[in-house]
PDB file of N, CA and C in Angstrom:
ATOM      1  N   UNK A   1       3.820 -53.367 -47.637  1.00  0.00           N
ATOM      2  CA  UNK A   1       2.854 -52.767 -46.731  1.00  0.00           C
ATOM      3  C   UNK A   1       2.222 -51.558 -47.424  1.00  0.00           C
ATOM      4  N   UNK A   2       0.969 -51.328 -47.130  1.00  0.00           N
ATOM      5  CA  UNK A   2       0.235 -50.177 -47.654  1.00  0.00           C
ATOM      6  C   UNK A   2      -0.160 -49.288 -46.482  1.00  0.00           C
ATOM      7  N   UNK A   3       0.114 -47.995 -46.605  1.00  0.00           N
ATOM      8  CA  UNK A   3      -0.265 -47.016 -45.591  1.00  0.00           C
ATOM      9  C   UNK A   3      -1.368 -46.138 -46.162  1.00  0.00           C
ATOM     10  N   UNK A   4      -2.432 -45.939 -45.413  1.00  0.00           N
ATOM     11  CA  UNK A   4      -3.526 -45.054 -45.823  1.00  0.00           C
ATOM     12  C   UNK A   4      -3.333 -43.710 -45.137  1.00  0.00           C
ATOM     13  N   UNK A   5      -3.306 -42.639 -45.936  1.00  0.00           N
ATOM     14  CA  UNK A   5      -3.115 -41.298 -45.402  1.00  0.00           C
ATOM     15  C   UNK A   5      -4.421 -40.519 -45.545  1.00  0.00           C
ATOM     16  N   UNK A   6      -5.046 -40.186 -44.438  1.00  0.00           N
ATOM     17  CA  UNK A   6      -6.270 -39.378 -44.458  1.00  0.00           C
ATOM     18  C   UNK A   6      -5.862 -37.926 -44.682  1.00  0.00           C
ATOM     19  N   UNK A   7      -6.287 -37.347 -45.779  1.00  0.00           N
ATOM     20  CA  UNK A   7      -5.889 -35.980 -46.106  1.00  0.00           C
ATOM     21  C   UNK A   7      -6.769 -34.919 -45.457  1.00  0.00           C
ATOM     22  N   UNK A   8      -7.769 -35.341 -44.700  1.00  0.00           N
ATOM     23  CA  UNK A   8      -8.612 -34.403 -43.938  1.00  0.00           C
ATOM     24  C   UNK A   8      -9.193 -33.302 -44.829  1.00  0.00           C
ATOM     25  N   UNK A   9      -9.662 -33.664 -46.009  1.00  0.00           N
ATOM     26  CA  UNK A   9     -10.246 -32.683 -46.915  1.00  0.00           C
ATOM     27  C   UNK A   9     -11.646 -32.327 -46.436  1.00  0.00           C
ATOM     28  N   UNK A  10     -11.791 -31.180 -45.839  1.00  0.00           N
ATOM     29  CA  UNK A  10     -13.036 -30.652 -45.291  1.00  0.00           C
ATOM     30  C   UNK A  10     -13.536 -31.446 -44.089  1.00  0.00           C
ATOM     31  N   UNK A  11     -13.498 -32.775 -44.147  1.00  0.00           N
ATOM     32  CA  UNK A  11     -13.867 -33.638 -43.017  1.00  0.00           C
ATOM     33  C   UNK A  11     -12.946 -34.857 -43.036  1.00  0.00           C
ATOM     34  N   UNK A  12     -12.908 -35.585 -41.950  1.00  0.00           N
ATOM     35  CA  UNK A  12     -12.097 -36.798 -41.900  1.00  0.00           C
ATOM     36  C   UNK A  12     -12.636 -37.849 -42.857  1.00  0.00           C
ATOM     37  N   UNK A  13     -11.727 -38.644 -43.364  1.00  0.00           N
ATOM     38  CA  UNK A  13     -12.049 -39.814 -44.180  1.00  0.00           C
ATOM     39  C   UNK A  13     -12.819 -39.488 -45.460  1.00  0.00           C
ATOM     40  N   UNK A  14     -12.550 -38.327 -46.058  1.00  0.00           N
ATOM     41  CA  UNK A  14     -13.221 -38.015 -47.323  1.00  0.00           C
ATOM     42  C   UNK A  14     -12.289 -38.191 -48.519  1.00  0.00           C
ATOM     43  N   UNK A  15     -10.998 -37.945 -48.338  1.00  0.00           N
ATOM     44  CA  UNK A  15     -10.001 -38.147 -49.391  1.00  0.00           C
ATOM     45  C   UNK A  15      -8.787 -38.822 -48.760  1.00  0.00           C
ATOM     46  N   UNK A  16      -8.276 -39.827 -49.446  1.00  0.00           N
ATOM     47  CA  UNK A  16      -7.093 -40.525 -48.935  1.00  0.00           C
ATOM     48  C   UNK A  16      -6.025 -40.594 -50.012  1.00  0.00           C
ATOM     49  N   UNK A  17      -4.798 -40.674 -49.560  1.00  0.00           N
ATOM     50  CA  UNK A  17      -3.656 -41.007 -50.398  1.00  0.00           C
ATOM     51  C   UNK A  17      -3.093 -42.295 -49.806  1.00  0.00           C
ATOM     52  N   UNK A  18      -2.253 -42.960 -50.560  1.00  0.00           N
ATOM     53  CA  UNK A  18      -1.725 -44.239 -50.119  1.00  0.00           C
ATOM     54  C   UNK A  18      -0.230 -44.303 -50.387  1.00  0.00           C
ATOM     55  N   UNK A  19       0.494 -44.926 -49.500  1.00  0.00           N
ATOM     56  CA  UNK A  19       1.899 -45.209 -49.728  1.00  0.00           C
ATOM     57  C   UNK A  19       2.056 -46.730 -49.804  1.00  0.00           C
ATOM     58  N   UNK A  20       2.607 -47.183 -50.916  1.00  0.00           N
ATOM     59  CA  UNK A  20       2.952 -48.585 -51.086  1.00  0.00           C
ATOM     60  C   UNK A  20       4.452 -48.717 -50.876  1.00  0.00           C
ATOM     61  N   UNK A  21       4.843 -49.558 -49.957  1.00  0.00           N
ATOM     62  CA  UNK A  21       6.266 -49.812 -49.750  1.00  0.00           C
ATOM     63  C   UNK A  21       6.705 -50.851 -50.775  1.00  0.00           C
ATOM     64  N   UNK A  22       7.738 -50.510 -51.534  1.00  0.00           N
ATOM     65  CA  UNK A  22       8.274 -51.424 -52.543  1.00  0.00           C
ATOM     66  C   UNK A  22       9.781 -51.541 -52.373  1.00  0.00           C
ATOM     67  N   UNK A  23      10.373 -52.481 -53.072  1.00  0.00           N
ATOM     68  CA  UNK A  23      11.825 -52.636 -53.033  1.00  0.00           C
ATOM     69  C   UNK A  23      12.532 -51.444 -53.666  1.00  0.00           C
ATOM     70  N   UNK A  24      11.819 -50.663 -54.471  1.00  0.00           N
ATOM     71  CA  UNK A  24      12.359 -49.456 -55.101  1.00  0.00           C
ATOM     72  C   UNK A  24      12.151 -48.221 -54.227  1.00  0.00           C
ATOM     73  N   UNK A  25      11.508 -48.387 -53.090  1.00  0.00           N
ATOM     74  CA  UNK A  25      11.184 -47.268 -52.210  1.00  0.00           C
ATOM     75  C   UNK A  25       9.690 -47.037 -52.167  1.00  0.00           C
ATOM     76  N   UNK A  26       9.251 -46.050 -51.389  1.00  0.00           N
ATOM     77  CA  UNK A  26       7.811 -45.798 -51.259  1.00  0.00           C
ATOM     78  C   UNK A  26       7.233 -45.184 -52.524  1.00  0.00           C
ATOM     79  N   UNK A  27       6.040 -45.642 -52.892  1.00  0.00           N
ATOM     80  CA  UNK A  27       5.303 -45.092 -54.030  1.00  0.00           C
ATOM     81  C   UNK A  27       4.048 -44.429 -53.468  1.00  0.00           C
ATOM     82  N   UNK A  28       3.851 -43.169 -53.805  1.00  0.00           N
ATOM     83  CA  UNK A  28       2.665 -42.433 -53.357  1.00  0.00           C
ATOM     84  C   UNK A  28       1.578 -42.568 -54.417  1.00  0.00           C
ATOM     85  N   UNK A  29       0.406 -43.017 -54.006  1.00  0.00           N
ATOM     86  CA  UNK A  29      -0.742 -43.105 -54.904  1.00  0.00           C
ATOM     87  C   UNK A  29      -1.710 -42.019 -54.479  1.00  0.00           C
ATOM     88  N   UNK A  30      -1.917 -41.090 -55.375  1.00  0.00           N
ATOM     89  CA  UNK A  30      -2.714 -39.888 -55.165  1.00  0.00           C
ATOM     90  C   UNK A  30      -1.970 -38.911 -54.249  1.00  0.00           C
ATOM     91  N   UNK A  31      -2.309 -37.666 -54.392  1.00  0.00           N
ATOM     92  CA  UNK A  31      -1.679 -36.644 -53.544  1.00  0.00           C
ATOM     93  C   UNK A  31      -2.707 -35.640 -53.039  1.00  0.00           C
ATOM     94  N   UNK A  32      -3.916 -35.697 -53.584  1.00  0.00           N
ATOM     95  CA  UNK A  32      -4.960 -34.772 -53.157  1.00  0.00           C
ATOM     96  C   UNK A  32      -4.734 -33.375 -53.707  1.00  0.00           C
ATOM     97  N   UNK A  33      -5.669 -32.489 -53.445  1.00  0.00           N
ATOM     98  CA  UNK A  33      -5.547 -31.106 -53.899  1.00  0.00           C
ATOM     99  C   UNK A  33      -4.514 -30.337 -53.076  1.00  0.00           C
ATOM    100  N   UNK A  34      -4.082 -29.230 -53.609  1.00  0.00           N
ATOM    101  CA  UNK A  34      -3.059 -28.403 -52.946  1.00  0.00           C
ATOM    102  C   UNK A  34      -3.455 -28.039 -51.516  1.00  0.00           C
ATOM    103  N   UNK A  35      -4.734 -27.852 -51.279  1.00  0.00           N
ATOM    104  CA  UNK A  35      -5.192 -27.439 -49.940  1.00  0.00           C
ATOM    105  C   UNK A  35      -4.919 -28.497 -48.871  1.00  0.00           C
ATOM    106  N   UNK A  36      -4.590 -29.720 -49.268  1.00  0.00           N
ATOM    107  CA  UNK A  36      -4.324 -30.783 -48.292  1.00  0.00           C
ATOM    108  C   UNK A  36      -2.827 -31.068 -48.132  1.00  0.00           C
ATOM    109  N   UNK A  37      -1.974 -30.222 -48.706  1.00  0.00           N
ATOM    110  CA  UNK A  37      -0.526 -30.464 -48.685  1.00  0.00           C
ATOM    111  C   UNK A  37       0.014 -30.733 -47.275  1.00  0.00           C
ATOM    112  N   UNK A  38      -0.335 -29.903 -46.309  1.00  0.00           N
ATOM    113  CA  UNK A  38       0.211 -30.094 -44.957  1.00  0.00           C
ATOM    114  C   UNK A  38      -0.248 -31.417 -44.355  1.00  0.00           C
ATOM    115  N   UNK A  39      -1.470 -31.830 -44.642  1.00  0.00           N
ATOM    116  CA  UNK A  39      -1.947 -33.126 -44.144  1.00  0.00           C
ATOM    117  C   UNK A  39      -1.244 -34.277 -44.853  1.00  0.00           C
ATOM    118  N   UNK A  40      -0.931 -34.102 -46.136  1.00  0.00           N
ATOM    119  CA  UNK A  40      -0.188 -35.119 -46.870  1.00  0.00           C
ATOM    120  C   UNK A  40       1.203 -35.289 -46.273  1.00  0.00           C
ATOM    121  N   UNK A  41       1.887 -34.187 -46.029  1.00  0.00           N
ATOM    122  CA  UNK A  41       3.227 -34.238 -45.430  1.00  0.00           C
ATOM    123  C   UNK A  41       3.157 -34.912 -44.068  1.00  0.00           C
ATOM    124  N   UNK A  42       2.175 -34.551 -43.258  1.00  0.00           N
ATOM    125  CA  UNK A  42       1.999 -35.166 -41.945  1.00  0.00           C
ATOM    126  C   UNK A  42       1.811 -36.676 -42.079  1.00  0.00           C
ATOM    127  N   UNK A  43       0.959 -37.098 -43.008  1.00  0.00           N
ATOM    128  CA  UNK A  43       0.707 -38.526 -43.210  1.00  0.00           C
ATOM    129  C   UNK A  43       1.941 -39.283 -43.665  1.00  0.00           C
ATOM    130  N   UNK A  44       2.710 -38.678 -44.565  1.00  0.00           N
ATOM    131  CA  UNK A  44       3.950 -39.300 -45.029  1.00  0.00           C
ATOM    132  C   UNK A  44       4.900 -39.498 -43.853  1.00  0.00           C
ATOM    133  N   UNK A  45       5.036 -38.477 -43.035  1.00  0.00           N
ATOM    134  CA  UNK A  45       5.934 -38.565 -41.882  1.00  0.00           C
ATOM    135  C   UNK A  45       5.422 -39.558 -40.838  1.00  0.00           C
ATOM    136  N   UNK A  46       4.121 -39.600 -40.624  1.00  0.00           N
ATOM    137  CA  UNK A  46       3.539 -40.562 -39.684  1.00  0.00           C
ATOM    138  C   UNK A  46       3.774 -41.998 -40.148  1.00  0.00           C
ATOM    139  N   UNK A  47       3.862 -42.194 -41.462  1.00  0.00           N
ATOM    140  CA  UNK A  47       4.115 -43.528 -42.004  1.00  0.00           C
ATOM    141  C   UNK A  47       5.594 -43.897 -41.925  1.00  0.00           C
ATOM    142  N   UNK A  48       6.423 -42.957 -41.473  1.00  0.00           N
ATOM    143  CA  UNK A  48       7.832 -43.244 -41.281  1.00  0.00           C
ATOM    144  C   UNK A  48       8.738 -42.812 -42.419  1.00  0.00           C
ATOM    145  N   UNK A  49       8.218 -41.955 -43.305  1.00  0.00           N
ATOM    146  CA  UNK A  49       8.995 -41.495 -44.450  1.00  0.00           C
ATOM    147  C   UNK A  49       9.141 -39.979 -44.418  1.00  0.00           C
ATOM    148  N   UNK A  50       9.994 -39.478 -45.287  1.00  0.00           N
ATOM    149  CA  UNK A  50      10.123 -38.043 -45.532  1.00  0.00           C
ATOM    150  C   UNK A  50       9.602 -37.775 -46.938  1.00  0.00           C
ATOM    151  N   UNK A  51       9.166 -36.571 -47.197  1.00  0.00           N
ATOM    152  CA  UNK A  51       8.684 -36.215 -48.531  1.00  0.00           C
ATOM    153  C   UNK A  51       9.765 -36.524 -49.568  1.00  0.00           C
ATOM    154  N   UNK A  52      11.025 -36.276 -49.217  1.00  0.00           N
ATOM    155  CA  UNK A  52      12.131 -36.514 -50.137  1.00  0.00           C
ATOM    156  C   UNK A  52      12.285 -37.992 -50.506  1.00  0.00           C
ATOM    157  N   UNK A  53      11.724 -38.890 -49.684  1.00  0.00           N
ATOM    158  CA  UNK A  53      11.805 -40.327 -49.968  1.00  0.00           C
ATOM    159  C   UNK A  53      10.902 -40.733 -51.124  1.00  0.00           C
ATOM    160  N   UNK A  54       9.892 -39.923 -51.415  1.00  0.00           N
ATOM    161  CA  UNK A  54       8.925 -40.257 -52.458  1.00  0.00           C
ATOM    162  C   UNK A  54       9.532 -39.924 -53.816  1.00  0.00           C
ATOM    163  N   UNK A  55       9.784 -40.950 -54.605  1.00  0.00           N
ATOM    164  CA  UNK A  55      10.367 -40.764 -55.944  1.00  0.00           C
ATOM    165  C   UNK A  55       9.352 -41.048 -57.045  1.00  0.00           C
ATOM    166  N   UNK A  56       8.251 -41.706 -56.669  1.00  0.00           N
ATOM    167  CA  UNK A  56       7.243 -42.088 -57.657  1.00  0.00           C
ATOM    168  C   UNK A  56       5.854 -41.704 -57.143  1.00  0.00           C
ATOM    169  N   UNK A  57       5.065 -41.101 -58.037  1.00  0.00           N
ATOM    170  CA  UNK A  57       3.691 -40.710 -57.730  1.00  0.00           C
ATOM    171  C   UNK A  57       2.785 -41.270 -58.814  1.00  0.00           C
ATOM    172  N   UNK A  58       1.737 -41.951 -58.403  1.00  0.00           N
ATOM    173  CA  UNK A  58       0.765 -42.510 -59.337  1.00  0.00           C
ATOM    174  C   UNK A  58      -0.550 -41.790 -59.123  1.00  0.00           C
ATOM    175  N   UNK A  59      -1.012 -41.074 -60.152  1.00  0.00           N
ATOM    176  CA  UNK A  59      -2.283 -40.364 -60.086  1.00  0.00           C
ATOM    177  C   UNK A  59      -3.348 -41.161 -60.827  1.00  0.00           C
ATOM    178  N   UNK A  60      -4.523 -41.299 -60.207  1.00  0.00           N
ATOM    179  CA  UNK A  60      -5.603 -42.046 -60.854  1.00  0.00           C
ATOM    180  C   UNK A  60      -6.585 -41.114 -61.553  1.00  0.00           C
ATOM    181  N   UNK A  61      -6.556 -39.834 -61.208  1.00  0.00           N
ATOM    182  CA  UNK A  61      -7.456 -38.882 -61.842  1.00  0.00           C
ATOM    183  C   UNK A  61      -6.938 -37.471 -61.581  1.00  0.00           C
ATOM    184  N   UNK A  62      -7.478 -36.511 -62.285  1.00  0.00           N
ATOM    185  CA  UNK A  62      -7.023 -35.132 -62.169  1.00  0.00           C
ATOM    186  C   UNK A  62      -7.744 -34.428 -61.014  1.00  0.00           C
ATOM    187  N   UNK A  63      -7.043 -33.510 -60.391  1.00  0.00           N
ATOM    188  CA  UNK A  63      -7.635 -32.685 -59.335  1.00  0.00           C
ATOM    189  C   UNK A  63      -7.674 -31.234 -59.816  1.00  0.00           C
ATOM    190  N   UNK A  64      -8.854 -30.704 -60.019  1.00  0.00           N
ATOM    191  CA  UNK A  64      -8.991 -29.303 -60.366  1.00  0.00           C
ATOM    192  C   UNK A  64      -9.099 -28.426 -59.118  1.00  0.00           C
ATOM    193  N   UNK A  65      -9.285 -29.079 -57.974  1.00  0.00           N
ATOM    194  CA  UNK A  65      -9.399 -28.341 -56.729  1.00  0.00           C
ATOM    195  C   UNK A  65      -8.023 -28.148 -56.176  1.00  0.00           C
TER     196      UNK A  65
END
């Protein structure tokens, strides 16, 4: 299953992160800029996970923001 996490960057639906459920546990794809941390945590929890459950992060590009 794939969960889409809206990071609420300035407006809704502008930046998303994704959680892929795998047999190895949840994999977070993208994390957004630091300013969206609380929204990321909220999205992870809404998807049924804890931040501590995330053992793998896949970044597709760099965030200078």
